[in-house]
Amino acid sequence: MTNSLDQQALDTLFFSARTQNGWLPGDMSDEVLKKLYDLAKMGPTSANCSPARFVFVKGPAAKERLKPALSSGNLEKTMAAPVTVIAAYDGEFYEKLPELFPHADARSWFTSSPAAAEETAFRNGTLQAAYLILAARALGLDTGPMSGFDKAKVDAEFFAGTTWKSNFLINLGHGDPSKVFDRLPRLDFDDACRILGE
C-alpha cells in the first residue's frame, strides 16, 4: 500500500468526524449493517483471532431490553439512535482458530492459558470495535461510542448461556448536528509520544 488518502477522506474518518450525542430519525437496513461488518472485519487482529462479536440492537422492542442497563446520561440518546451496537467479545474465540489461522495449532496457545485468552479477546475485540467505528464513518454513518452502562445487566439480558461478554456500546445512525459538543483538546505529539532512535 503506497497511496495515502486525500484530505476529504481524512476529514471523514478523523478531523470532521465527531462523537454524536443526538440522532436524526431514521431506520437502518440489515444490508447496511452487514456491509458495515464486512468492512470492519478486514482489520488485523493477533493471529487473525477475530474475537469481536457485535449485536445490532434496533427497533423499540430490542431497545427496551437494553434500556434498564443504560446510565441516565446515556438513556435518551441511546433510545433515540436508530441502532445501538453492543460491542462484545467471545471469551472462547480460540474455537474458531482452526478455521481462521489454519497453518498452526493456535487454539492450543489459548486453551492452555485462560489469562492469555481473556487478555487477547479483550484487546483484539476492542481493536475490532474501533475498526467498526472507522468503517461506519467511511460508509457515511455517525457513531457515539460510550461506556455508561451496566455490563452485568447487558450480559445477563443478551449473552446468558454464551461465552460472549460486553465491552462498550456504539450508537449508530445520522447524528443531529445541533447536539454535538465542541471538540475537546487532544494531547500534542510531545505529550503523548516518544521516538526512540539508535
Protein backbone atom coordinates (compact mmCIF):
# COMPACT_ATOMS: atom_id res chain seq x y z
CA MET A 1 0.00 0.00 0.00
CA THR A 2 1.59 3.24 -1.11
CA ASN A 3 -1.26 5.67 -1.74
CA SER A 4 -2.38 7.92 1.10
CA LEU A 5 -5.96 9.09 1.48
CA ASP A 6 -6.89 12.58 0.36
CA GLN A 7 -7.87 15.30 2.82
CA GLN A 8 -11.59 14.72 2.32
CA ALA A 9 -11.24 11.08 3.34
CA LEU A 10 -9.11 12.00 6.35
CA ASP A 11 -11.73 14.56 7.38
CA THR A 12 -14.45 11.90 7.09
CA LEU A 13 -12.56 9.44 9.24
CA PHE A 14 -10.89 11.75 11.76
CA PHE A 15 -10.84 15.54 11.55
CA SER A 16 -14.51 16.29 10.88
CA ALA A 17 -15.95 13.16 12.48
CA ARG A 18 -17.45 13.67 15.92
CA THR A 19 -18.91 11.64 18.74
CA GLN A 20 -22.67 12.09 18.40
CA ASN A 21 -24.96 12.94 21.31
CA GLY A 22 -28.24 13.21 19.43
CA TRP A 23 -29.78 11.46 16.48
CA LEU A 24 -31.93 12.26 13.48
CA PRO A 25 -34.93 9.98 13.00
CA GLY A 26 -34.47 7.15 10.56
CA ASP A 27 -34.03 3.45 10.10
CA MET A 28 -31.05 1.37 9.09
CA SER A 29 -31.39 -1.71 6.93
CA ASP A 30 -29.85 -5.06 7.75
CA GLU A 31 -27.96 -4.78 4.45
CA VAL A 32 -26.17 -1.65 5.68
CA LEU A 33 -25.23 -3.40 8.92
CA LYS A 34 -23.87 -6.39 7.01
CA LYS A 35 -21.85 -4.07 4.77
CA LEU A 36 -20.52 -2.32 7.87
CA TYR A 37 -19.36 -5.59 9.43
CA ASP A 38 -17.87 -6.84 6.16
CA LEU A 39 -15.69 -3.73 6.07
CA ALA A 40 -14.72 -3.74 9.77
CA LYS A 41 -13.79 -7.43 9.82
CA MET A 42 -10.90 -6.78 7.43
CA GLY A 43 -8.80 -5.04 10.11
CA PRO A 44 -5.92 -7.05 11.60
CA THR A 45 -6.03 -8.99 14.86
CA SER A 46 -3.48 -11.20 16.63
CA ALA A 47 -3.21 -14.49 14.73
CA ASN A 48 -6.39 -13.44 12.92
CA CYS A 49 -8.22 -14.37 16.14
CA SER A 50 -11.20 -12.07 15.44
CA PRO A 51 -12.81 -12.25 18.90
CA ALA A 52 -15.21 -9.32 18.46
CA ARG A 53 -18.91 -10.04 18.41
CA PHE A 54 -21.46 -7.36 17.57
CA VAL A 55 -25.15 -7.25 18.48
CA PHE A 56 -27.06 -4.62 16.49
CA VAL A 57 -29.94 -3.52 18.70
CA LYS A 58 -32.64 -1.76 16.68
CA GLY A 59 -36.36 -1.30 16.97
CA PRO A 60 -38.45 -0.45 20.04
CA ALA A 61 -38.70 -3.96 21.49
CA ALA A 62 -34.97 -4.61 21.29
CA LYS A 63 -34.17 -1.17 22.69
CA GLU A 64 -36.47 -1.82 25.66
CA ARG A 65 -34.35 -4.84 26.52
CA LEU A 66 -31.27 -2.62 26.61
CA LYS A 67 -32.89 0.30 28.44
CA PRO A 68 -32.54 -0.97 32.05
CA ALA A 69 -28.76 -1.23 31.65
CA LEU A 70 -28.23 2.36 30.45
CA SER A 71 -26.92 5.13 32.67
CA SER A 72 -29.15 8.19 32.99
CA GLY A 73 -26.78 10.32 30.92
CA ASN A 74 -26.89 7.88 28.02
CA LEU A 75 -30.54 6.86 28.18
CA GLU A 76 -32.27 9.41 25.94
CA LYS A 77 -29.72 9.45 23.13
CA THR A 78 -29.40 5.67 23.07
CA MET A 79 -33.13 5.13 22.86
CA ALA A 80 -33.27 7.69 20.02
CA ALA A 81 -30.39 6.23 18.00
CA PRO A 82 -31.50 4.11 15.03
CA VAL A 83 -29.12 1.33 16.12
CA THR A 84 -27.08 0.64 19.22
CA VAL A 85 -24.23 -1.81 18.79
CA ILE A 86 -23.22 -3.95 21.73
CA ALA A 87 -19.51 -4.32 21.05
CA ALA A 88 -18.64 -7.61 22.71
CA TYR A 89 -16.01 -10.31 22.56
CA ASP A 90 -16.08 -14.09 22.72
CA GLY A 91 -14.01 -15.50 25.57
CA GLU A 92 -13.70 -18.75 23.63
CA PHE A 93 -12.71 -17.11 20.33
CA TYR A 94 -9.97 -19.73 20.03
CA GLU A 95 -12.51 -22.36 18.99
CA LYS A 96 -12.60 -20.61 15.58
CA LEU A 97 -8.82 -20.57 15.17
CA PRO A 98 -8.57 -23.86 13.23
CA GLU A 99 -10.61 -22.05 10.55
CA LEU A 100 -9.13 -18.56 10.95
CA PHE A 101 -5.46 -19.49 11.47
CA PRO A 102 -5.11 -22.96 9.93
CA HIS A 103 -1.34 -23.05 9.41
CA ALA A 104 -0.56 -23.52 13.13
CA ASP A 105 -2.18 -25.04 16.21
CA ALA A 106 -3.09 -21.60 17.53
CA ARG A 107 -6.02 -22.93 19.54
CA SER A 108 -3.64 -24.61 21.99
CA TRP A 109 -1.95 -21.27 22.70
CA PHE A 110 -5.10 -20.16 24.47
CA THR A 111 -6.72 -23.32 25.82
CA SER A 112 -3.61 -23.77 27.97
CA SER A 113 -3.82 -20.24 29.41
CA PRO A 114 -7.18 -18.74 30.36
CA ALA A 115 -5.47 -15.46 31.31
CA ALA A 116 -3.85 -15.15 27.88
CA ALA A 117 -7.17 -15.98 26.23
CA GLU A 118 -9.04 -13.28 28.17
CA GLU A 119 -6.39 -10.65 27.55
CA THR A 120 -6.24 -11.49 23.84
CA ALA A 121 -10.03 -11.48 23.50
CA PHE A 122 -10.44 -8.14 25.24
CA ARG A 123 -7.57 -6.40 23.44
CA ASN A 124 -8.43 -7.60 19.97
CA GLY A 125 -12.17 -7.26 20.49
CA THR A 126 -11.64 -3.62 21.46
CA LEU A 127 -9.45 -3.13 18.40
CA GLN A 128 -12.14 -4.58 16.14
CA ALA A 129 -14.79 -2.33 17.68
CA ALA A 130 -12.59 0.65 16.82
CA TYR A 131 -12.43 -0.64 13.25
CA LEU A 132 -16.23 -0.71 13.28
CA ILE A 133 -16.33 2.97 14.23
CA LEU A 134 -14.00 3.89 11.37
CA ALA A 135 -15.91 1.63 8.97
CA ALA A 136 -19.16 3.37 9.93
CA ARG A 137 -17.61 6.77 9.24
CA ALA A 138 -16.28 5.51 5.91
CA LEU A 139 -19.84 4.50 4.97
CA GLY A 140 -21.24 7.92 5.83
CA LEU A 141 -22.65 6.98 9.24
CA ASP A 142 -22.14 8.73 12.56
CA THR A 143 -21.19 6.99 15.79
CA GLY A 144 -21.45 7.62 19.50
CA PRO A 145 -19.30 5.14 21.45
CA MET A 146 -19.86 5.06 25.20
CA SER A 147 -19.14 3.16 28.38
CA GLY A 148 -22.04 4.35 30.53
CA PHE A 149 -23.99 1.14 31.03
CA ASP A 150 -24.25 -1.82 33.39
CA LYS A 151 -22.22 -4.61 31.79
CA ALA A 152 -23.62 -7.28 34.10
CA LYS A 153 -27.19 -6.41 33.09
CA VAL A 154 -26.32 -6.42 29.39
CA ASP A 155 -24.53 -9.74 29.67
CA ALA A 156 -27.43 -11.28 31.59
CA GLU A 157 -30.02 -9.99 29.12
CA PHE A 158 -28.22 -10.64 25.84
CA PHE A 159 -25.46 -13.18 26.48
CA ALA A 160 -26.75 -15.56 29.14
CA GLY A 161 -25.54 -19.09 28.47
CA THR A 162 -22.89 -17.94 25.98
CA THR A 163 -19.18 -17.15 26.12
CA TRP A 164 -19.73 -13.56 24.91
CA LYS A 165 -19.06 -10.53 27.14
CA SER A 166 -19.98 -6.91 26.52
CA ASN A 167 -17.24 -4.30 26.21
CA PHE A 168 -18.86 -0.99 25.26
CA LEU A 169 -21.79 0.43 23.27
CA ILE A 170 -21.82 2.33 20.00
CA ASN A 171 -24.83 4.35 18.92
CA LEU A 172 -25.13 4.39 15.15
CA GLY A 173 -27.06 6.43 12.58
CA HIS A 174 -27.06 10.02 11.37
CA GLY A 175 -26.27 12.47 14.13
CA ASP A 176 -28.15 15.65 14.95
CA PRO A 177 -25.60 18.44 14.37
CA SER A 178 -27.27 20.65 16.98
CA LYS A 179 -26.44 18.12 19.72
CA VAL A 180 -22.70 17.86 19.05
CA PHE A 181 -20.45 19.26 21.77
CA ASP A 182 -17.49 21.49 21.00
CA ARG A 183 -14.42 19.46 20.17
CA LEU A 184 -12.22 18.89 23.20
CA PRO A 185 -8.44 19.26 23.02
CA ARG A 186 -6.09 16.42 22.22
CA LEU A 187 -2.59 15.87 23.54
CA ASP A 188 0.27 17.23 21.44
CA PHE A 189 2.79 14.82 19.99
CA ASP A 190 5.43 15.65 22.61
CA ASP A 191 2.97 14.94 25.44
CA ALA A 192 1.93 11.53 24.15
CA CYS A 193 4.76 10.17 22.03
CA ARG A 194 8.43 9.27 22.11
CA ILE A 195 10.67 8.49 19.16
CA LEU A 196 13.50 6.13 20.02
CA GLY A 197 16.39 6.14 17.58
CA GLU A 198 19.67 4.25 17.54
